[in-house]
Amino acid sequence: MTTTGDKFNRIPDLVRELQYLASHQVEIGIFADAERTDDATMLVIAAANEFGAKIPKQFKTTHVQGPMGSTKERDESAKWIIIPERSYLRAWFDENVDVLQATMERLIGQVVEGKISGRAALETIGGYVVTHIQAYMVDLKTPPNAPSTIARKGSSNPLIDTGQLKDAITWRVVGAK
């Protein structure tokens, strides 16, 4: 941390760092610019897993050979894909709010002591939370995947397939709103 005042008077530096903390915040999650390698947006995938979803399967018409060579259409669009709620953001926060608060208090103490900047404190919080949410996702086992999903993925881990969702969780420091 650079000093702006007398080497024995840290008050101007402290005021500057506290003003920074008061005027900035950390956003943590999956942002609109998160990329995915297929047609589904990362935000849709994230929300479907965090809150659960009931999604109609794509409309599919099959032609069935009838008697005397006739064909008739059979509509198979009445089926749904059910994604149960597998909260990873809210659930991690709810389970760890006390530890997170203690970590933030420790970091603010370091800012007050002049050991780190306000920005460094916010960046540390961002990295801490993202790392722990990603680990929570890997460890989450319930509700389990459907047998058909396990067969398709080759894994029973409900929130991990390609790793794109886990890797899309990030943080950024922004001006307070």
N, C-alpha and C. Protein backbone atom coordinates (compact mmCIF):
# COMPACT_ATOMS: atom_id res chain seq x y z
N MET A 1 0.86 -1.16 0.00
CA MET A 1 0.00 0.00 0.00
C MET A 1 0.91 1.23 0.00
N THR A 2 0.61 2.18 -0.87
CA THR A 2 1.39 3.41 -0.90
C THR A 2 0.82 4.41 0.08
N THR A 3 1.69 5.24 0.60
CA THR A 3 1.22 6.24 1.56
C THR A 3 1.16 7.59 0.89
N THR A 4 0.16 8.35 1.24
CA THR A 4 0.00 9.69 0.67
C THR A 4 0.37 10.77 1.66
N GLY A 5 0.46 10.42 2.92
CA GLY A 5 0.74 11.42 3.95
C GLY A 5 2.05 11.15 4.64
N ASP A 6 2.23 11.75 5.74
CA ASP A 6 3.40 11.56 6.61
C ASP A 6 3.53 10.08 6.94
N LYS A 7 4.76 9.55 7.03
CA LYS A 7 4.93 8.12 7.28
C LYS A 7 4.39 7.69 8.63
N PHE A 8 4.14 8.63 9.52
CA PHE A 8 3.59 8.29 10.83
C PHE A 8 2.09 8.58 10.92
N ASN A 9 1.56 9.17 9.89
CA ASN A 9 0.13 9.51 9.89
C ASN A 9 -0.54 8.72 8.77
N ARG A 10 -1.14 7.60 9.11
CA ARG A 10 -1.79 6.73 8.13
C ARG A 10 -3.26 7.10 7.92
N ILE A 11 -3.74 8.11 8.59
CA ILE A 11 -5.16 8.45 8.51
C ILE A 11 -5.60 8.75 7.07
N PRO A 12 -4.88 9.53 6.27
CA PRO A 12 -5.32 9.75 4.89
C PRO A 12 -5.42 8.45 4.08
N ASP A 13 -4.44 7.56 4.29
CA ASP A 13 -4.48 6.27 3.59
C ASP A 13 -5.67 5.43 4.04
N LEU A 14 -5.91 5.41 5.32
CA LEU A 14 -7.02 4.65 5.87
C LEU A 14 -8.35 5.18 5.34
N VAL A 15 -8.50 6.49 5.32
CA VAL A 15 -9.74 7.10 4.81
C VAL A 15 -9.93 6.71 3.34
N ARG A 16 -8.86 6.77 2.54
CA ARG A 16 -8.95 6.43 1.11
C ARG A 16 -9.38 4.97 0.94
N GLU A 17 -8.80 4.06 1.71
CA GLU A 17 -9.13 2.64 1.58
C GLU A 17 -10.55 2.35 2.06
N LEU A 18 -10.97 2.98 3.13
CA LEU A 18 -12.34 2.79 3.61
C LEU A 18 -13.35 3.38 2.64
N GLN A 19 -13.01 4.50 2.00
CA GLN A 19 -13.89 5.06 0.96
C GLN A 19 -13.99 4.11 -0.22
N TYR A 20 -12.87 3.48 -0.55
CA TYR A 20 -12.90 2.50 -1.64
C TYR A 20 -13.85 1.36 -1.28
N LEU A 21 -13.72 0.83 -0.07
CA LEU A 21 -14.60 -0.26 0.34
C LEU A 21 -16.07 0.16 0.35
N ALA A 22 -16.32 1.38 0.75
CA ALA A 22 -17.70 1.87 0.80
C ALA A 22 -18.28 2.09 -0.60
N SER A 23 -17.43 2.28 -1.58
CA SER A 23 -17.93 2.61 -2.92
C SER A 23 -17.78 1.46 -3.92
N HIS A 24 -17.36 0.29 -3.46
CA HIS A 24 -17.19 -0.87 -4.34
C HIS A 24 -17.77 -2.11 -3.69
N GLN A 25 -18.04 -3.10 -4.53
CA GLN A 25 -18.56 -4.38 -4.04
C GLN A 25 -18.06 -5.49 -4.94
N VAL A 26 -18.21 -6.71 -4.46
CA VAL A 26 -17.83 -7.89 -5.23
C VAL A 26 -19.11 -8.55 -5.73
N GLU A 27 -19.17 -8.80 -7.02
CA GLU A 27 -20.26 -9.58 -7.59
C GLU A 27 -19.70 -10.98 -7.86
N ILE A 28 -20.46 -11.98 -7.45
CA ILE A 28 -20.03 -13.36 -7.60
C ILE A 28 -21.14 -14.15 -8.25
N GLY A 29 -20.81 -14.93 -9.25
CA GLY A 29 -21.82 -15.76 -9.89
C GLY A 29 -21.44 -16.08 -11.32
N ILE A 30 -22.47 -16.24 -12.13
CA ILE A 30 -22.30 -16.51 -13.56
C ILE A 30 -22.89 -15.31 -14.29
N PHE A 31 -22.08 -14.66 -15.08
CA PHE A 31 -22.49 -13.42 -15.72
C PHE A 31 -22.97 -13.67 -17.15
N ALA A 32 -23.66 -12.69 -17.69
CA ALA A 32 -24.29 -12.83 -19.01
C ALA A 32 -23.29 -13.15 -20.11
N ASP A 33 -22.04 -12.77 -19.95
CA ASP A 33 -21.05 -13.02 -21.00
C ASP A 33 -20.38 -14.40 -20.88
N ALA A 34 -20.85 -15.23 -19.96
CA ALA A 34 -20.28 -16.57 -19.81
C ALA A 34 -20.55 -17.36 -21.08
N GLU A 35 -19.53 -18.04 -21.59
CA GLU A 35 -19.65 -18.76 -22.84
C GLU A 35 -19.94 -20.23 -22.60
N ARG A 36 -20.58 -20.83 -23.58
CA ARG A 36 -20.88 -22.25 -23.56
C ARG A 36 -20.65 -22.77 -24.96
N THR A 37 -20.30 -24.04 -25.08
CA THR A 37 -19.93 -24.58 -26.39
C THR A 37 -21.11 -25.12 -27.20
N ASP A 38 -22.32 -25.04 -26.67
CA ASP A 38 -23.47 -25.47 -27.47
C ASP A 38 -24.51 -24.35 -27.49
N ASP A 39 -25.72 -24.66 -27.91
CA ASP A 39 -26.73 -23.63 -28.11
C ASP A 39 -27.33 -23.07 -26.82
N ALA A 40 -27.27 -23.79 -25.74
CA ALA A 40 -27.87 -23.32 -24.49
C ALA A 40 -26.98 -22.23 -23.88
N THR A 41 -27.59 -21.20 -23.33
CA THR A 41 -26.78 -20.18 -22.69
C THR A 41 -26.40 -20.65 -21.29
N MET A 42 -25.25 -20.19 -20.83
CA MET A 42 -24.78 -20.59 -19.52
C MET A 42 -25.75 -20.13 -18.43
N LEU A 43 -26.36 -18.96 -18.61
CA LEU A 43 -27.30 -18.47 -17.60
C LEU A 43 -28.52 -19.37 -17.49
N VAL A 44 -28.99 -19.91 -18.59
CA VAL A 44 -30.14 -20.82 -18.56
C VAL A 44 -29.76 -22.11 -17.83
N ILE A 45 -28.60 -22.65 -18.15
CA ILE A 45 -28.13 -23.87 -17.50
C ILE A 45 -27.96 -23.62 -16.00
N ALA A 46 -27.36 -22.49 -15.65
CA ALA A 46 -27.12 -22.16 -14.24
C ALA A 46 -28.44 -22.02 -13.49
N ALA A 47 -29.38 -21.28 -14.05
CA ALA A 47 -30.66 -21.07 -13.38
C ALA A 47 -31.45 -22.36 -13.26
N ALA A 48 -31.43 -23.20 -14.30
CA ALA A 48 -32.16 -24.47 -14.25
C ALA A 48 -31.64 -25.36 -13.13
N ASN A 49 -30.34 -25.35 -12.89
CA ASN A 49 -29.79 -26.16 -11.82
C ASN A 49 -29.97 -25.51 -10.45
N GLU A 50 -29.80 -24.21 -10.36
CA GLU A 50 -29.94 -23.52 -9.07
C GLU A 50 -31.37 -23.56 -8.55
N PHE A 51 -32.35 -23.39 -9.44
CA PHE A 51 -33.76 -23.28 -9.01
C PHE A 51 -34.62 -24.47 -9.43
N GLY A 52 -34.12 -25.33 -10.31
CA GLY A 52 -34.92 -26.41 -10.85
C GLY A 52 -35.69 -25.92 -12.06
N ALA A 53 -36.12 -26.84 -12.91
CA ALA A 53 -36.84 -26.45 -14.12
C ALA A 53 -37.66 -27.61 -14.65
N LYS A 54 -38.72 -27.26 -15.33
CA LYS A 54 -39.54 -28.23 -16.06
C LYS A 54 -39.53 -27.75 -17.51
N ILE A 55 -38.84 -28.48 -18.36
CA ILE A 55 -38.61 -28.05 -19.73
C ILE A 55 -39.28 -29.03 -20.69
N PRO A 56 -40.11 -28.53 -21.62
CA PRO A 56 -40.70 -29.45 -22.59
C PRO A 56 -39.62 -29.97 -23.53
N LYS A 57 -39.69 -31.25 -23.83
CA LYS A 57 -38.76 -31.81 -24.80
C LYS A 57 -39.05 -31.19 -26.15
N GLN A 58 -38.07 -31.17 -27.00
CA GLN A 58 -38.22 -30.64 -28.35
C GLN A 58 -39.36 -31.39 -29.05
N PHE A 59 -40.16 -30.68 -29.82
CA PHE A 59 -41.24 -31.30 -30.58
C PHE A 59 -40.66 -32.33 -31.53
N LYS A 60 -41.23 -33.51 -31.48
CA LYS A 60 -40.73 -34.58 -32.32
C LYS A 60 -41.93 -35.34 -32.88
N THR A 61 -41.98 -35.46 -34.17
CA THR A 61 -43.03 -36.22 -34.81
C THR A 61 -42.41 -37.44 -35.47
N THR A 62 -42.97 -38.57 -35.19
CA THR A 62 -42.48 -39.79 -35.83
C THR A 62 -43.57 -40.32 -36.76
N HIS A 63 -43.13 -40.91 -37.81
CA HIS A 63 -44.07 -41.50 -38.77
C HIS A 63 -44.09 -43.00 -38.53
N VAL A 64 -45.30 -43.52 -38.30
CA VAL A 64 -45.47 -44.93 -38.01
C VAL A 64 -46.18 -45.57 -39.20
N GLN A 65 -45.62 -46.67 -39.67
CA GLN A 65 -46.23 -47.39 -40.79
C GLN A 65 -47.49 -48.09 -40.31
N GLY A 66 -48.59 -47.75 -40.92
CA GLY A 66 -49.86 -48.33 -40.54
C GLY A 66 -50.21 -49.50 -41.44
N PRO A 67 -51.41 -50.05 -41.20
CA PRO A 67 -51.85 -51.16 -42.07
C PRO A 67 -52.06 -50.66 -43.50
N MET A 68 -51.85 -51.49 -44.41
CA MET A 68 -52.06 -51.22 -45.83
C MET A 68 -51.13 -50.12 -46.33
N GLY A 69 -49.95 -49.95 -45.69
CA GLY A 69 -48.95 -49.02 -46.19
C GLY A 69 -49.17 -47.57 -45.82
N SER A 70 -50.25 -47.27 -45.13
CA SER A 70 -50.48 -45.88 -44.76
C SER A 70 -49.53 -45.47 -43.64
N THR A 71 -49.29 -44.18 -43.53
CA THR A 71 -48.46 -43.68 -42.43
C THR A 71 -49.30 -42.74 -41.59
N LYS A 72 -49.02 -42.71 -40.34
CA LYS A 72 -49.67 -41.74 -39.48
C LYS A 72 -48.62 -41.13 -38.56
N GLU A 73 -48.88 -39.89 -38.17
CA GLU A 73 -47.92 -39.19 -37.33
C GLU A 73 -48.24 -39.45 -35.86
N ARG A 74 -47.20 -39.60 -35.09
CA ARG A 74 -47.36 -39.76 -33.65
C ARG A 74 -46.58 -38.62 -32.98
N ASP A 75 -47.29 -37.83 -32.21
CA ASP A 75 -46.69 -36.68 -31.52
C ASP A 75 -46.07 -37.17 -30.22
N GLU A 76 -44.77 -36.93 -30.06
CA GLU A 76 -44.07 -37.33 -28.84
C GLU A 76 -43.60 -36.10 -28.06
N SER A 77 -44.33 -35.00 -28.19
CA SER A 77 -43.89 -33.75 -27.55
C SER A 77 -44.44 -33.58 -26.14
N ALA A 78 -45.24 -34.52 -25.67
CA ALA A 78 -45.90 -34.34 -24.38
C ALA A 78 -44.99 -34.69 -23.20
N LYS A 79 -43.77 -35.04 -23.45
CA LYS A 79 -42.87 -35.41 -22.37
C LYS A 79 -42.07 -34.20 -21.90
N TRP A 80 -41.67 -34.24 -20.65
CA TRP A 80 -40.95 -33.14 -20.04
C TRP A 80 -39.59 -33.59 -19.53
N ILE A 81 -38.66 -32.68 -19.51
CA ILE A 81 -37.39 -32.90 -18.84
C ILE A 81 -37.51 -32.18 -17.50
N ILE A 82 -37.36 -32.91 -16.42
CA ILE A 82 -37.45 -32.33 -15.09
C ILE A 82 -36.03 -32.22 -14.51
N ILE A 83 -35.64 -31.01 -14.19
CA ILE A 83 -34.35 -30.78 -13.54
C ILE A 83 -34.65 -30.35 -12.11
N PRO A 84 -34.32 -31.19 -11.13
CA PRO A 84 -34.62 -30.80 -9.74
C PRO A 84 -33.70 -29.67 -9.28
N GLU A 85 -34.16 -28.93 -8.29
CA GLU A 85 -33.33 -27.86 -7.73
C GLU A 85 -32.07 -28.46 -7.12
N ARG A 86 -30.93 -27.94 -7.55
CA ARG A 86 -29.63 -28.31 -6.99
C ARG A 86 -28.88 -27.02 -6.70
N SER A 87 -29.35 -26.31 -5.70
CA SER A 87 -28.76 -25.02 -5.38
C SER A 87 -27.30 -25.17 -5.00
N TYR A 88 -26.47 -24.38 -5.62
CA TYR A 88 -25.05 -24.37 -5.30
C TYR A 88 -24.62 -22.98 -4.83
N LEU A 89 -25.24 -21.92 -5.36
CA LEU A 89 -24.91 -20.56 -4.92
C LEU A 89 -25.58 -20.24 -3.58
N ARG A 90 -26.91 -20.32 -3.55
CA ARG A 90 -27.65 -20.00 -2.33
C ARG A 90 -27.33 -20.97 -1.21
N ALA A 91 -27.24 -22.25 -1.54
CA ALA A 91 -26.99 -23.26 -0.50
C ALA A 91 -25.60 -23.07 0.11
N TRP A 92 -24.59 -22.82 -0.74
CA TRP A 92 -23.25 -22.60 -0.18
C TRP A 92 -23.25 -21.38 0.74
N PHE A 93 -23.85 -20.28 0.28
CA PHE A 93 -23.88 -19.07 1.09
C PHE A 93 -24.61 -19.33 2.42
N ASP A 94 -25.78 -19.96 2.36
CA ASP A 94 -26.54 -20.22 3.58
C ASP A 94 -25.75 -21.08 4.58
N GLU A 95 -25.00 -22.05 4.08
CA GLU A 95 -24.23 -22.93 4.95
C GLU A 95 -22.95 -22.28 5.47
N ASN A 96 -22.49 -21.22 4.82
CA ASN A 96 -21.18 -20.65 5.15
C ASN A 96 -21.20 -19.17 5.50
N VAL A 97 -22.36 -18.61 5.76
CA VAL A 97 -22.46 -17.17 6.01
C VAL A 97 -21.61 -16.73 7.19
N ASP A 98 -21.55 -17.52 8.25
CA ASP A 98 -20.75 -17.14 9.42
C ASP A 98 -19.25 -17.14 9.11
N VAL A 99 -18.78 -18.16 8.41
CA VAL A 99 -17.36 -18.23 8.04
C VAL A 99 -17.01 -17.10 7.08
N LEU A 100 -17.91 -16.82 6.16
CA LEU A 100 -17.68 -15.73 5.21
C LEU A 100 -17.61 -14.39 5.93
N GLN A 101 -18.50 -14.17 6.85
CA GLN A 101 -18.49 -12.92 7.60
C GLN A 101 -17.19 -12.79 8.40
N ALA A 102 -16.75 -13.86 9.04
CA ALA A 102 -15.50 -13.81 9.81
C ALA A 102 -14.30 -13.52 8.89
N THR A 103 -14.31 -14.10 7.70
CA THR A 103 -13.24 -13.85 6.73
C THR A 103 -13.23 -12.39 6.30
N MET A 104 -14.42 -11.84 6.03
CA MET A 104 -14.51 -10.43 5.64
C MET A 104 -14.05 -9.52 6.78
N GLU A 105 -14.41 -9.84 8.01
CA GLU A 105 -13.98 -9.03 9.15
C GLU A 105 -12.46 -9.06 9.30
N ARG A 106 -11.87 -10.24 9.09
CA ARG A 106 -10.41 -10.37 9.17
C ARG A 106 -9.74 -9.52 8.10
N LEU A 107 -10.28 -9.55 6.88
CA LEU A 107 -9.70 -8.77 5.79
C LEU A 107 -9.86 -7.26 6.01
N ILE A 108 -11.00 -6.84 6.52
CA ILE A 108 -11.20 -5.42 6.82
C ILE A 108 -10.22 -4.98 7.91
N GLY A 109 -9.98 -5.85 8.86
CA GLY A 109 -8.97 -5.56 9.89
C GLY A 109 -7.60 -5.35 9.28
N GLN A 110 -7.27 -6.16 8.26
CA GLN A 110 -5.98 -6.00 7.59
C GLN A 110 -5.92 -4.67 6.81
N VAL A 111 -7.06 -4.24 6.27
CA VAL A 111 -7.11 -2.94 5.59
C VAL A 111 -6.86 -1.84 6.62
N VAL A 112 -7.53 -1.90 7.74
CA VAL A 112 -7.38 -0.89 8.79
C VAL A 112 -5.94 -0.83 9.30
N GLU A 113 -5.29 -1.98 9.40
CA GLU A 113 -3.90 -2.04 9.85
C GLU A 113 -2.91 -1.60 8.77
N GLY A 114 -3.39 -1.38 7.56
CA GLY A 114 -2.51 -0.97 6.47
C GLY A 114 -1.76 -2.10 5.82
N LYS A 115 -2.16 -3.34 6.05
CA LYS A 115 -1.47 -4.50 5.49
C LYS A 115 -1.89 -4.79 4.05
N ILE A 116 -3.15 -4.51 3.72
CA ILE A 116 -3.65 -4.72 2.36
C ILE A 116 -4.54 -3.55 1.97
N SER A 117 -4.79 -3.42 0.68
CA SER A 117 -5.68 -2.37 0.19
C SER A 117 -7.13 -2.85 0.23
N GLY A 118 -8.05 -1.92 0.09
CA GLY A 118 -9.46 -2.27 0.02
C GLY A 118 -9.73 -3.15 -1.19
N ARG A 119 -9.11 -2.82 -2.31
CA ARG A 119 -9.30 -3.65 -3.51
C ARG A 119 -8.79 -5.07 -3.27
N ALA A 120 -7.63 -5.20 -2.63
CA ALA A 120 -7.09 -6.53 -2.35
C ALA A 120 -8.04 -7.33 -1.46
N ALA A 121 -8.68 -6.67 -0.51
CA ALA A 121 -9.64 -7.35 0.36
C ALA A 121 -10.82 -7.87 -0.46
N LEU A 122 -11.35 -7.05 -1.36
CA LEU A 122 -12.49 -7.47 -2.18
C LEU A 122 -12.08 -8.59 -3.14
N GLU A 123 -10.91 -8.49 -3.72
CA GLU A 123 -10.43 -9.53 -4.63
C GLU A 123 -10.24 -10.85 -3.89
N THR A 124 -9.75 -10.77 -2.67
CA THR A 124 -9.56 -11.98 -1.86
C THR A 124 -10.90 -12.64 -1.57
N ILE A 125 -11.89 -11.85 -1.21
CA ILE A 125 -13.23 -12.39 -0.95
C ILE A 125 -13.79 -13.05 -2.21
N GLY A 126 -13.65 -12.38 -3.35
CA GLY A 126 -14.15 -12.96 -4.60
C GLY A 126 -13.53 -14.31 -4.89
N GLY A 127 -12.22 -14.39 -4.81
CA GLY A 127 -11.53 -15.65 -5.06
C GLY A 127 -11.89 -16.73 -4.06
N TYR A 128 -12.01 -16.34 -2.80
CA TYR A 128 -12.37 -17.28 -1.73
C TYR A 128 -13.74 -17.89 -2.00
N VAL A 129 -14.72 -17.06 -2.27
CA VAL A 129 -16.09 -17.56 -2.46
C VAL A 129 -16.18 -18.43 -3.71
N VAL A 130 -15.59 -17.99 -4.82
CA VAL A 130 -15.65 -18.78 -6.05
C VAL A 130 -15.02 -20.17 -5.84
N THR A 131 -13.85 -20.20 -5.23
CA THR A 131 -13.17 -21.48 -4.99
C THR A 131 -14.04 -22.42 -4.16
N HIS A 132 -14.68 -21.88 -3.14
CA HIS A 132 -15.50 -22.72 -2.26
C HIS A 132 -16.82 -23.14 -2.92
N ILE A 133 -17.42 -22.28 -3.72
CA ILE A 133 -18.64 -22.67 -4.44
C ILE A 133 -18.32 -23.77 -5.44
N GLN A 134 -17.21 -23.65 -6.15
CA GLN A 134 -16.83 -24.68 -7.11
C GLN A 134 -16.61 -26.02 -6.42
N ALA A 135 -15.97 -26.01 -5.27
CA ALA A 135 -15.77 -27.26 -4.52
C ALA A 135 -17.11 -27.82 -4.04
N TYR A 136 -18.02 -26.95 -3.63
CA TYR A 136 -19.35 -27.37 -3.19
C TYR A 136 -20.07 -28.07 -4.34
N MET A 137 -19.94 -27.53 -5.56
CA MET A 137 -20.59 -28.14 -6.72
C MET A 137 -20.06 -29.55 -6.97
N VAL A 138 -18.77 -29.71 -6.85
CA VAL A 138 -18.16 -31.03 -7.08
C VAL A 138 -18.63 -32.02 -6.03
N ASP A 139 -18.78 -31.56 -4.79
CA ASP A 139 -19.17 -32.45 -3.69
C ASP A 139 -20.67 -32.74 -3.62
N LEU A 140 -21.49 -31.93 -4.28
CA LEU A 140 -22.95 -32.09 -4.21
C LEU A 140 -23.36 -33.42 -4.84
N LYS A 141 -24.15 -34.21 -4.13
CA LYS A 141 -24.56 -35.52 -4.63
C LYS A 141 -26.08 -35.69 -4.72
N THR A 142 -26.84 -34.78 -4.15
CA THR A 142 -28.29 -34.92 -4.15
C THR A 142 -28.95 -33.65 -4.65
N PRO A 143 -30.11 -33.77 -5.26
CA PRO A 143 -30.72 -35.02 -5.71
C PRO A 143 -29.89 -35.64 -6.83
N PRO A 144 -29.88 -36.97 -6.88
CA PRO A 144 -29.03 -37.64 -7.87
C PRO A 144 -29.55 -37.45 -9.29
N ASN A 145 -28.67 -37.69 -10.25
CA ASN A 145 -29.08 -37.67 -11.65
C ASN A 145 -30.00 -38.85 -11.95
N ALA A 146 -30.81 -38.68 -12.97
CA ALA A 146 -31.64 -39.79 -13.46
C ALA A 146 -30.71 -40.83 -14.09
N PRO A 147 -31.11 -42.10 -14.08
CA PRO A 147 -30.28 -43.13 -14.71
C PRO A 147 -29.93 -42.80 -16.16
N SER A 148 -30.86 -42.21 -16.90
CA SER A 148 -30.58 -41.86 -18.30
C SER A 148 -29.50 -40.78 -18.39
N THR A 149 -29.49 -39.86 -17.43
CA THR A 149 -28.47 -38.81 -17.43
C THR A 149 -27.11 -39.40 -17.07
N ILE A 150 -27.08 -40.31 -16.11
CA ILE A 150 -25.83 -40.97 -15.73
C ILE A 150 -25.27 -41.74 -16.93
N ALA A 151 -26.14 -42.41 -17.66
CA ALA A 151 -25.69 -43.18 -18.83
C ALA A 151 -25.12 -42.24 -19.90
N ARG A 152 -25.77 -41.10 -20.12
CA ARG A 152 -25.30 -40.14 -21.13
C ARG A 152 -23.98 -39.51 -20.72
N LYS A 153 -23.88 -39.11 -19.44
CA LYS A 153 -22.69 -38.41 -18.96
C LYS A 153 -21.54 -39.35 -18.63
N GLY A 154 -21.88 -40.56 -18.22
CA GLY A 154 -20.86 -41.47 -17.74
C GLY A 154 -20.41 -41.13 -16.33
N SER A 155 -21.23 -40.35 -15.63
CA SER A 155 -20.91 -39.91 -14.27
C SER A 155 -22.19 -39.67 -13.50
N SER A 156 -22.13 -39.84 -12.19
CA SER A 156 -23.32 -39.60 -11.38
C SER A 156 -23.27 -38.25 -10.67
N ASN A 157 -22.23 -37.45 -10.90
CA ASN A 157 -22.14 -36.15 -10.25
C ASN A 157 -23.18 -35.22 -10.86
N PRO A 158 -24.17 -34.77 -10.08
CA PRO A 158 -25.29 -34.01 -10.64
C PRO A 158 -24.92 -32.68 -11.31
N LEU A 159 -23.94 -31.97 -10.82
CA LEU A 159 -23.64 -30.64 -11.37
C LEU A 159 -22.41 -30.60 -12.26
N ILE A 160 -21.73 -31.71 -12.41
CA ILE A 160 -20.52 -31.71 -13.22
C ILE A 160 -20.70 -32.65 -14.40
N ASP A 161 -20.57 -32.09 -15.59
CA ASP A 161 -20.57 -32.87 -16.83
C ASP A 161 -19.29 -32.52 -17.56
N THR A 162 -19.29 -31.40 -18.26
CA THR A 162 -18.09 -30.95 -18.96
C THR A 162 -17.24 -30.02 -18.10
N GLY A 163 -17.79 -29.53 -17.01
CA GLY A 163 -17.08 -28.57 -16.16
C GLY A 163 -17.34 -27.12 -16.54
N GLN A 164 -18.11 -26.89 -17.62
CA GLN A 164 -18.36 -25.53 -18.07
C GLN A 164 -19.13 -24.70 -17.05
N LEU A 165 -20.13 -25.28 -16.40
CA LEU A 165 -20.90 -24.55 -15.41
C LEU A 165 -20.02 -24.15 -14.23
N LYS A 166 -19.26 -25.09 -13.71
CA LYS A 166 -18.36 -24.80 -12.59
C LYS A 166 -17.35 -23.74 -12.97
N ASP A 167 -16.78 -23.87 -14.15
CA ASP A 167 -15.76 -22.91 -14.59
C ASP A 167 -16.33 -21.53 -14.89
N ALA A 168 -17.62 -21.44 -15.13
CA ALA A 168 -18.25 -20.15 -15.44
C ALA A 168 -18.47 -19.30 -14.19
N ILE A 169 -18.38 -19.89 -13.02
CA ILE A 169 -18.55 -19.12 -11.78
C ILE A 169 -17.32 -18.25 -11.58
N THR A 170 -17.54 -16.97 -11.44
CA THR A 170 -16.43 -16.04 -11.31
C THR A 170 -16.83 -14.87 -10.43
N TRP A 171 -15.96 -13.89 -10.34
CA TRP A 171 -16.22 -12.71 -9.52
C TRP A 171 -15.66 -11.49 -10.23
N ARG A 172 -16.15 -10.33 -9.82
CA ARG A 172 -15.61 -9.07 -10.32
C ARG A 172 -15.88 -7.99 -9.29
N VAL A 173 -14.97 -7.03 -9.20
CA VAL A 173 -15.13 -5.89 -8.32
C VAL A 173 -15.76 -4.78 -9.16
N VAL A 174 -16.84 -4.20 -8.65
CA VAL A 174 -17.56 -3.15 -9.38
C VAL A 174 -17.89 -2.01 -8.41
N GLY A 175 -18.21 -0.86 -9.00
CA GLY A 175 -18.69 0.25 -8.18
C GLY A 175 -20.00 -0.12 -7.52
N ALA A 176 -20.20 0.30 -6.29
CA ALA A 176 -21.43 -0.02 -5.57
C ALA A 176 -22.60 0.62 -6.28
N LYS A 177 -23.71 -0.07 -6.23
CA LYS A 177 -24.92 0.42 -6.91
C LYS A 177 -25.84 1.11 -5.95
